[in-house]
PDB file of N, CA and C in Angstrom:
ATOM      1  N   MET A   1      31.813  30.248  18.252  1.00  0.00           N
ATOM      2  CA  MET A   1      31.265  30.228  17.303  1.00  0.00           C
ATOM      3  C   MET A   1      30.103  31.205  17.545  1.00  0.00           C
ATOM      4  N   THR A   2      30.019  32.180  16.706  1.00  0.00           N
ATOM      5  CA  THR A   2      28.726  33.053  16.732  1.00  0.00           C
ATOM      6  C   THR A   2      27.465  32.663  16.334  1.00  0.00           C
ATOM      7  N   ASN A   3      26.396  33.326  16.742  1.00  0.00           N
ATOM      8  CA  ASN A   3      24.929  33.307  16.124  1.00  0.00           C
ATOM      9  C   ASN A   3      24.682  34.164  14.897  1.00  0.00           C
ATOM     10  N   ALA A   4      25.855  34.754  14.278  1.00  0.00           N
ATOM     11  CA  ALA A   4      25.375  35.647  13.209  1.00  0.00           C
ATOM     12  C   ALA A   4      24.446  34.781  12.032  1.00  0.00           C
ATOM     13  N   PRO A   5      23.589  35.470  11.381  1.00  0.00           N
ATOM     14  CA  PRO A   5      22.889  34.676  10.343  1.00  0.00           C
ATOM     15  C   PRO A   5      23.861  34.503   9.440  1.00  0.00           C
ATOM     16  N   GLU A   6      24.771  35.189   8.963  1.00  0.00           N
ATOM     17  CA  GLU A   6      25.669  34.907   7.802  1.00  0.00           C
ATOM     18  C   GLU A   6      26.487  33.831   7.919  1.00  0.00           C
ATOM     19  N   GLU A   7      26.913  33.358   9.194  1.00  0.00           N
ATOM     20  CA  GLU A   7      27.864  32.261   9.526  1.00  0.00           C
ATOM     21  C   GLU A   7      26.879  30.773   9.795  1.00  0.00           C
ATOM     22  N   ARG A   8      25.837  30.893   9.861  1.00  0.00           N
ATOM     23  CA  ARG A   8      25.013  29.775  10.190  1.00  0.00           C
ATOM     24  C   ARG A   8      24.518  29.310   8.947  1.00  0.00           C
ATOM     25  N   PRO A   9      24.754  27.875   8.496  1.00  0.00           N
ATOM     26  CA  PRO A   9      24.199  27.320   7.486  1.00  0.00           C
ATOM     27  C   PRO A   9      22.771  27.148   7.544  1.00  0.00           C
ATOM     28  N   GLY A  10      22.113  27.607   6.407  1.00  0.00           N
ATOM     29  CA  GLY A  10      20.634  27.508   6.402  1.00  0.00           C
ATOM     30  C   GLY A  10      20.430  26.184   5.619  1.00  0.00           C
ATOM     31  N   ILE A  11      18.977  26.430   5.188  1.00  0.00           N
ATOM     32  CA  ILE A  11      18.362  25.129   4.545  1.00  0.00           C
ATOM     33  C   ILE A  11      19.017  25.188   2.978  1.00  0.00           C
ATOM     34  N   SER A  12      18.900  26.380   2.439  1.00  0.00           N
ATOM     35  CA  SER A  12      19.498  26.718   1.065  1.00  0.00           C
ATOM     36  C   SER A  12      21.205  26.410   0.888  1.00  0.00           C
ATOM     37  N   GLN A  13      21.812  26.564   2.107  1.00  0.00           N
ATOM     38  CA  GLN A  13      23.171  26.352   1.847  1.00  0.00           C
ATOM     39  C   GLN A  13      23.911  27.399   0.767  1.00  0.00           C
ATOM     40  N   GLY A  14      23.329  28.369   0.466  1.00  0.00           N
ATOM     41  CA  GLY A  14      23.769  29.371  -0.461  1.00  0.00           C
ATOM     42  C   GLY A  14      23.227  28.868  -2.188  1.00  0.00           C
ATOM     43  N   ARG A  15      22.274  28.064  -2.005  1.00  0.00           N
ATOM     44  CA  ARG A  15      21.763  27.606  -3.573  1.00  0.00           C
ATOM     45  C   ARG A  15      20.498  28.566  -3.531  1.00  0.00           C
ATOM     46  N   TYR A  16      19.636  28.373  -4.709  1.00  0.00           N
ATOM     47  CA  TYR A  16      18.429  29.191  -4.916  1.00  0.00           C
ATOM     48  C   TYR A  16      17.766  28.116  -4.110  1.00  0.00           C
ATOM     49  N   VAL A  17      16.579  28.845  -3.655  1.00  0.00           N
ATOM     50  CA  VAL A  17      15.353  28.164  -3.018  1.00  0.00           C
ATOM     51  C   VAL A  17      14.217  28.701  -3.852  1.00  0.00           C
ATOM     52  N   PRO A  18      13.192  28.189  -4.440  1.00  0.00           N
ATOM     53  CA  PRO A  18      11.817  28.656  -4.947  1.00  0.00           C
ATOM     54  C   PRO A  18      11.122  28.895  -3.844  1.00  0.00           C
ATOM     55  N   PRO A  19       9.924  30.016  -3.991  1.00  0.00           N
ATOM     56  CA  PRO A  19       9.260  30.024  -2.804  1.00  0.00           C
ATOM     57  C   PRO A  19       8.243  28.728  -2.937  1.00  0.00           C
ATOM     58  N   PRO A  20       7.673  28.636  -1.704  1.00  0.00           N
ATOM     59  CA  PRO A  20       6.722  27.575  -1.512  1.00  0.00           C
ATOM     60  C   PRO A  20       5.412  27.561  -2.495  1.00  0.00           C
ATOM     61  N   PHE A  21       5.102  26.390  -2.845  1.00  0.00           N
ATOM     62  CA  PHE A  21       3.921  26.420  -3.851  1.00  0.00           C
ATOM     63  C   PHE A  21       2.731  26.538  -3.217  1.00  0.00           C
ATOM     64  N   ARG A  22       1.840  27.751  -3.645  1.00  0.00           N
ATOM     65  CA  ARG A  22       0.389  27.861  -2.934  1.00  0.00           C
ATOM     66  C   ARG A  22      -0.527  27.495  -3.944  1.00  0.00           C
ATOM     67  N   TRP A  23      -1.006  26.335  -3.292  1.00  0.00           N
ATOM     68  CA  TRP A  23      -2.462  25.816  -4.185  1.00  0.00           C
ATOM     69  C   TRP A  23      -3.471  27.019  -4.454  1.00  0.00           C
ATOM     70  N   GLN A  24      -4.309  27.012  -5.297  1.00  0.00           N
ATOM     71  CA  GLN A  24      -5.398  28.031  -5.541  1.00  0.00           C
ATOM     72  C   GLN A  24      -6.514  27.330  -4.726  1.00  0.00           C
ATOM     73  N   GLN A  25      -7.244  28.541  -4.596  1.00  0.00           N
ATOM     74  CA  GLN A  25      -8.382  27.976  -3.524  1.00  0.00           C
ATOM     75  C   GLN A  25      -9.524  27.265  -4.808  1.00  0.00           C
ATOM     76  N   HIS A  26     -10.261  26.462  -4.570  1.00  0.00           N
ATOM     77  CA  HIS A  26     -11.270  26.138  -5.157  1.00  0.00           C
ATOM     78  C   HIS A  26     -12.573  26.348  -5.068  1.00  0.00           C
ATOM     79  N   THR A  27     -13.481  27.080  -5.638  1.00  0.00           N
ATOM     80  CA  THR A  27     -14.689  27.214  -5.258  1.00  0.00           C
ATOM     81  C   THR A  27     -15.668  25.627  -5.487  1.00  0.00           C
ATOM     82  N   ALA A  28     -16.986  26.061  -4.815  1.00  0.00           N
ATOM     83  CA  ALA A  28     -17.830  25.079  -4.981  1.00  0.00           C
ATOM     84  C   ALA A  28     -18.245  24.364  -6.246  1.00  0.00           C
ATOM     85  N   ALA A  29     -18.299  25.473  -7.209  1.00  0.00           N
ATOM     86  CA  ALA A  29     -18.293  24.813  -8.609  1.00  0.00           C
ATOM     87  C   ALA A  29     -17.245  23.909  -9.188  1.00  0.00           C
ATOM     88  N   ASP A  30     -15.917  24.487  -8.661  1.00  0.00           N
ATOM     89  CA  ASP A  30     -14.752  23.534  -9.010  1.00  0.00           C
ATOM     90  C   ASP A  30     -14.565  22.155  -8.398  1.00  0.00           C
ATOM     91  N   ASN A  31     -15.033  22.348  -7.273  1.00  0.00           N
ATOM     92  CA  ASN A  31     -15.306  21.147  -6.655  1.00  0.00           C
ATOM     93  C   ASN A  31     -16.026  19.947  -7.285  1.00  0.00           C
ATOM     94  N   ASP A  32     -17.470  20.467  -7.678  1.00  0.00           N
ATOM     95  CA  ASP A  32     -18.322  19.680  -8.176  1.00  0.00           C
ATOM     96  C   ASP A  32     -17.620  19.153  -9.709  1.00  0.00           C
ATOM     97  N   VAL A  33     -17.133  20.107 -10.517  1.00  0.00           N
ATOM     98  CA  VAL A  33     -16.682  19.549 -11.696  1.00  0.00           C
ATOM     99  C   VAL A  33     -15.235  18.554 -11.398  1.00  0.00           C
ATOM    100  N   ILE A  34     -14.738  18.642 -10.446  1.00  0.00           N
ATOM    101  CA  ILE A  34     -13.404  17.745  -9.896  1.00  0.00           C
ATOM    102  C   ILE A  34     -14.011  16.341  -9.521  1.00  0.00           C
ATOM    103  N   ARG A  35     -15.367  16.517  -8.840  1.00  0.00           N
ATOM    104  CA  ARG A  35     -15.669  15.328  -8.320  1.00  0.00           C
ATOM    105  C   ARG A  35     -16.341  14.490  -9.592  1.00  0.00           C
ATOM    106  N   ALA A  36     -17.000  15.187 -10.187  1.00  0.00           N
ATOM    107  CA  ALA A  36     -17.413  14.543 -11.568  1.00  0.00           C
ATOM    108  C   ALA A  36     -16.493  13.801 -12.348  1.00  0.00           C
ATOM    109  N   ARG A  37     -15.197  14.528 -12.473  1.00  0.00           N
ATOM    110  CA  ARG A  37     -14.210  13.934 -13.238  1.00  0.00           C
ATOM    111  C   ARG A  37     -13.691  12.752 -12.480  1.00  0.00           C
ATOM    112  N   GLN A  38     -13.669  12.851 -11.337  1.00  0.00           N
ATOM    113  CA  GLN A  38     -13.200  11.726 -10.355  1.00  0.00           C
ATOM    114  C   GLN A  38     -14.168  10.561 -10.645  1.00  0.00           C
ATOM    115  N   ARG A  39     -15.394  10.688 -10.465  1.00  0.00           N
ATOM    116  CA  ARG A  39     -16.338   9.793 -10.683  1.00  0.00           C
ATOM    117  C   ARG A  39     -16.236   8.815 -11.859  1.00  0.00           C
ATOM    118  N   ILE A  40     -15.938   9.673 -13.119  1.00  0.00           N
ATOM    119  CA  ILE A  40     -16.097   9.034 -14.529  1.00  0.00           C
ATOM    120  C   ILE A  40     -14.560   8.238 -14.280  1.00  0.00           C
ATOM    121  N   ARG A  41     -13.590   8.992 -13.894  1.00  0.00           N
ATOM    122  CA  ARG A  41     -12.492   7.943 -14.050  1.00  0.00           C
ATOM    123  C   ARG A  41     -12.587   6.535 -13.167  1.00  0.00           C
ATOM    124  N   SER A  42     -13.231   6.939 -12.377  1.00  0.00           N
ATOM    125  CA  SER A  42     -13.422   5.465 -11.358  1.00  0.00           C
ATOM    126  C   SER A  42     -14.214   4.399 -11.991  1.00  0.00           C
ATOM    127  N   ILE A  43     -15.323   5.169 -12.614  1.00  0.00           N
ATOM    128  CA  ILE A  43     -16.123   3.981 -13.389  1.00  0.00           C
ATOM    129  C   ILE A  43     -15.338   3.397 -14.416  1.00  0.00           C
ATOM    130  N   ILE A  44     -14.641   4.006 -15.134  1.00  0.00           N
ATOM    131  CA  ILE A  44     -13.912   3.652 -16.386  1.00  0.00           C
ATOM    132  C   ILE A  44     -12.914   2.662 -15.839  1.00  0.00           C
ATOM    133  N   MET A  45     -12.387   3.052 -14.542  1.00  0.00           N
ATOM    134  CA  MET A  45     -11.145   2.068 -13.979  1.00  0.00           C
ATOM    135  C   MET A  45     -12.005   0.701 -13.509  1.00  0.00           C
ATOM    136  N   ALA A  46     -13.043   0.915 -13.003  1.00  0.00           N
ATOM    137  CA  ALA A  46     -13.671  -0.399 -12.542  1.00  0.00           C
ATOM    138  C   ALA A  46     -14.168  -1.019 -13.554  1.00  0.00           C
ATOM    139  N   LEU A  47     -14.597  -0.429 -14.853  1.00  0.00           N
ATOM    140  CA  LEU A  47     -15.023  -1.466 -16.210  1.00  0.00           C
ATOM    141  C   LEU A  47     -13.724  -1.909 -16.600  1.00  0.00           C
ATOM    142  N   LEU A  48     -12.407  -1.454 -16.781  1.00  0.00           N
ATOM    143  CA  LEU A  48     -11.667  -2.043 -17.209  1.00  0.00           C
ATOM    144  C   LEU A  48     -10.766  -2.920 -16.419  1.00  0.00           C
ATOM    145  N   LEU A  49     -10.961  -2.801 -15.151  1.00  0.00           N
ATOM    146  CA  LEU A  49     -10.479  -3.994 -14.132  1.00  0.00           C
ATOM    147  C   LEU A  49     -11.231  -5.144 -14.375  1.00  0.00           C
ATOM    148  N   GLY A  50     -12.577  -4.824 -14.338  1.00  0.00           N
ATOM    149  CA  GLY A  50     -13.864  -5.841 -14.481  1.00  0.00           C
ATOM    150  C   GLY A  50     -13.441  -6.653 -15.552  1.00  0.00           C
ATOM    151  N   SER A  51     -13.432  -5.804 -16.725  1.00  0.00           N
ATOM    152  CA  SER A  51     -13.280  -6.835 -18.063  1.00  0.00           C
ATOM    153  C   SER A  51     -11.947  -7.415 -18.055  1.00  0.00           C
ATOM    154  N   PHE A  52     -10.655  -7.142 -17.528  1.00  0.00           N
ATOM    155  CA  PHE A  52      -9.497  -7.697 -17.398  1.00  0.00           C
ATOM    156  C   PHE A  52      -9.847  -9.026 -16.749  1.00  0.00           C
ATOM    157  N   VAL A  53     -10.684  -9.153 -15.323  1.00  0.00           N
ATOM    158  CA  VAL A  53     -10.927 -10.098 -14.648  1.00  0.00           C
ATOM    159  C   VAL A  53     -11.717 -11.094 -15.577  1.00  0.00           C
ATOM    160  N   ILE A  54     -12.610 -10.677 -15.856  1.00  0.00           N
ATOM    161  CA  ILE A  54     -13.045 -11.712 -16.994  1.00  0.00           C
ATOM    162  C   ILE A  54     -12.438 -12.210 -18.304  1.00  0.00           C
ATOM    163  N   LEU A  55     -11.557 -11.658 -18.799  1.00  0.00           N
ATOM    164  CA  LEU A  55     -10.568 -12.093 -19.911  1.00  0.00           C
ATOM    165  C   LEU A  55      -9.566 -13.216 -19.276  1.00  0.00           C
ATOM    166  N   VAL A  56      -9.242 -13.032 -17.901  1.00  0.00           N
ATOM    167  CA  VAL A  56      -8.404 -14.024 -17.466  1.00  0.00           C
ATOM    168  C   VAL A  56      -9.161 -15.047 -17.046  1.00  0.00           C
ATOM    169  N   PHE A  57     -10.087 -15.178 -16.516  1.00  0.00           N
ATOM    170  CA  PHE A  57     -11.046 -15.932 -16.215  1.00  0.00           C
ATOM    171  C   PHE A  57     -11.511 -17.135 -17.456  1.00  0.00           C
ATOM    172  N   ALA A  58     -11.977 -16.127 -18.499  1.00  0.00           N
ATOM    173  CA  ALA A  58     -12.074 -16.935 -19.859  1.00  0.00           C
ATOM    174  C   ALA A  58     -10.939 -17.710 -20.429  1.00  0.00           C
ATOM    175  N   ILE A  59      -9.785 -16.987 -20.356  1.00  0.00           N
ATOM    176  CA  ILE A  59      -8.609 -17.473 -20.741  1.00  0.00           C
ATOM    177  C   ILE A  59      -8.359 -18.857 -19.842  1.00  0.00           C
ATOM    178  N   SER A  60      -8.444 -18.817 -18.853  1.00  0.00           N
ATOM    179  CA  SER A  60      -8.199 -19.863 -17.716  1.00  0.00           C
ATOM    180  C   SER A  60      -9.189 -21.039 -17.934  1.00  0.00           C
ATOM    181  N   ILE A  61     -10.392 -20.699 -18.298  1.00  0.00           N
ATOM    182  CA  ILE A  61     -11.384 -22.007 -18.730  1.00  0.00           C
ATOM    183  C   ILE A  61     -11.081 -22.575 -20.140  1.00  0.00           C
ATOM    184  N   VAL A  62     -10.724 -21.892 -21.063  1.00  0.00           N
ATOM    185  CA  VAL A  62     -10.268 -22.322 -22.262  1.00  0.00           C
ATOM    186  C   VAL A  62      -9.140 -23.269 -22.173  1.00  0.00           C
ATOM    187  N   LYS A  63      -8.040 -22.697 -21.461  1.00  0.00           N
ATOM    188  CA  LYS A  63      -6.853 -23.507 -21.308  1.00  0.00           C
ATOM    189  C   LYS A  63      -7.221 -24.794 -20.583  1.00  0.00           C
ATOM    190  N   ILE A  64      -8.071 -24.777 -19.336  1.00  0.00           N
ATOM    191  CA  ILE A  64      -8.442 -25.743 -18.763  1.00  0.00           C
ATOM    192  C   ILE A  64      -9.215 -27.303 -19.461  1.00  0.00           C
ATOM    193  N   LYS A  65      -9.961 -26.429 -20.317  1.00  0.00           N
ATOM    194  CA  LYS A  65     -10.890 -27.505 -21.243  1.00  0.00           C
ATOM    195  C   LYS A  65      -9.868 -28.007 -22.475  1.00  0.00           C
ATOM    196  N   ALA A  66      -8.904 -27.281 -22.798  1.00  0.00           N
ATOM    197  CA  ALA A  66      -8.128 -27.755 -23.887  1.00  0.00           C
ATOM    198  C   ALA A  66      -7.078 -28.601 -23.399  1.00  0.00           C
ATOM    199  N   GLY A  67      -6.939 -28.678 -21.797  1.00  0.00           N
ATOM    200  CA  GLY A  67      -5.771 -29.823 -21.273  1.00  0.00           C
ATOM    201  C   GLY A  67      -4.532 -29.146 -20.875  1.00  0.00           C
ATOM    202  N   HIS A  68      -4.253 -27.976 -21.015  1.00  0.00           N
ATOM    203  CA  HIS A  68      -3.000 -27.361 -20.956  1.00  0.00           C
ATOM    204  C   HIS A  68      -2.947 -26.787 -19.399  1.00  0.00           C
ATOM    205  N   GLY A  69      -3.612 -27.106 -18.477  1.00  0.00           N
ATOM    206  CA  GLY A  69      -3.672 -26.407 -17.094  1.00  0.00           C
ATOM    207  C   GLY A  69      -3.024 -27.003 -16.204  1.00  0.00           C
TER     208      GLY A  69
END
């Protein structure tokens, strides 16, 4: 077996391999906007989860009082 490049199977094995994705560099202003969006999303998620917990707790209290629990 020779070490000629055309004889060795590569990663692509004859298929098209797209170039690697390059993330764009963010500026400090971009990072501030991203952090603000993440903060808002986390606050909304916390409020939704908290309201779900309160709803489940209220339903369980009502079921216990009704005698179905």
